[in-house]
């Protein structure tokens, strides 16, 4: 499986002003650094949880149709399309009525609808492409625990920059308690 983000989010779960308030920074001298720290912490948390926080579009390519297509990066909003390379080498689109989307909160998946089967594909590495939209939506919909953990990671980075990493680990237990309930084990 190859997963590619094709449309990035247009916002972040926390803003620069609210993060500066959390840091008790009232000047603009370090805005660029804080902005970068927000981006880094966001990437770290999304990787750690296996979730997409703000709406983004992905393509996932597979070598063939599995019985069930597990969709990563929940929460899933929609499947835009499922395309495949047929035996003749032509690109085809699976009709939406030919598959069922199961929107389980942490493990969404797609399977053929009743009475249908996945079509045969050509034996190529990227025979199937699933395009989908994932994320909580806007910042207000992201769970508060994840938003808080994000700001705590930025605060640790801000406070302990340039120091040994052992010092930075002070808040990890608190951050872990906030993040743990939101971790996804989709492919475990």
Foldseek 3Di string as FASTA:
>chain_A
DDKDFDFDFPDALDDLVVLCVVLVNDDCPCSVVLVVLLVVLQVVLCVQQQAAAAKTKMKDFAQWDDQKAKDTHAPFDWWPWKWFQAQVRDIDTDDPQQKDWDRDGQIIIIHGPPPHHDHGHHRDGRGMMIMTMHHLHDSVSGDPLSVVLSSLSSSLCVVQPPHDCVVSCPCVVVNCVSSVVSHHPRPD
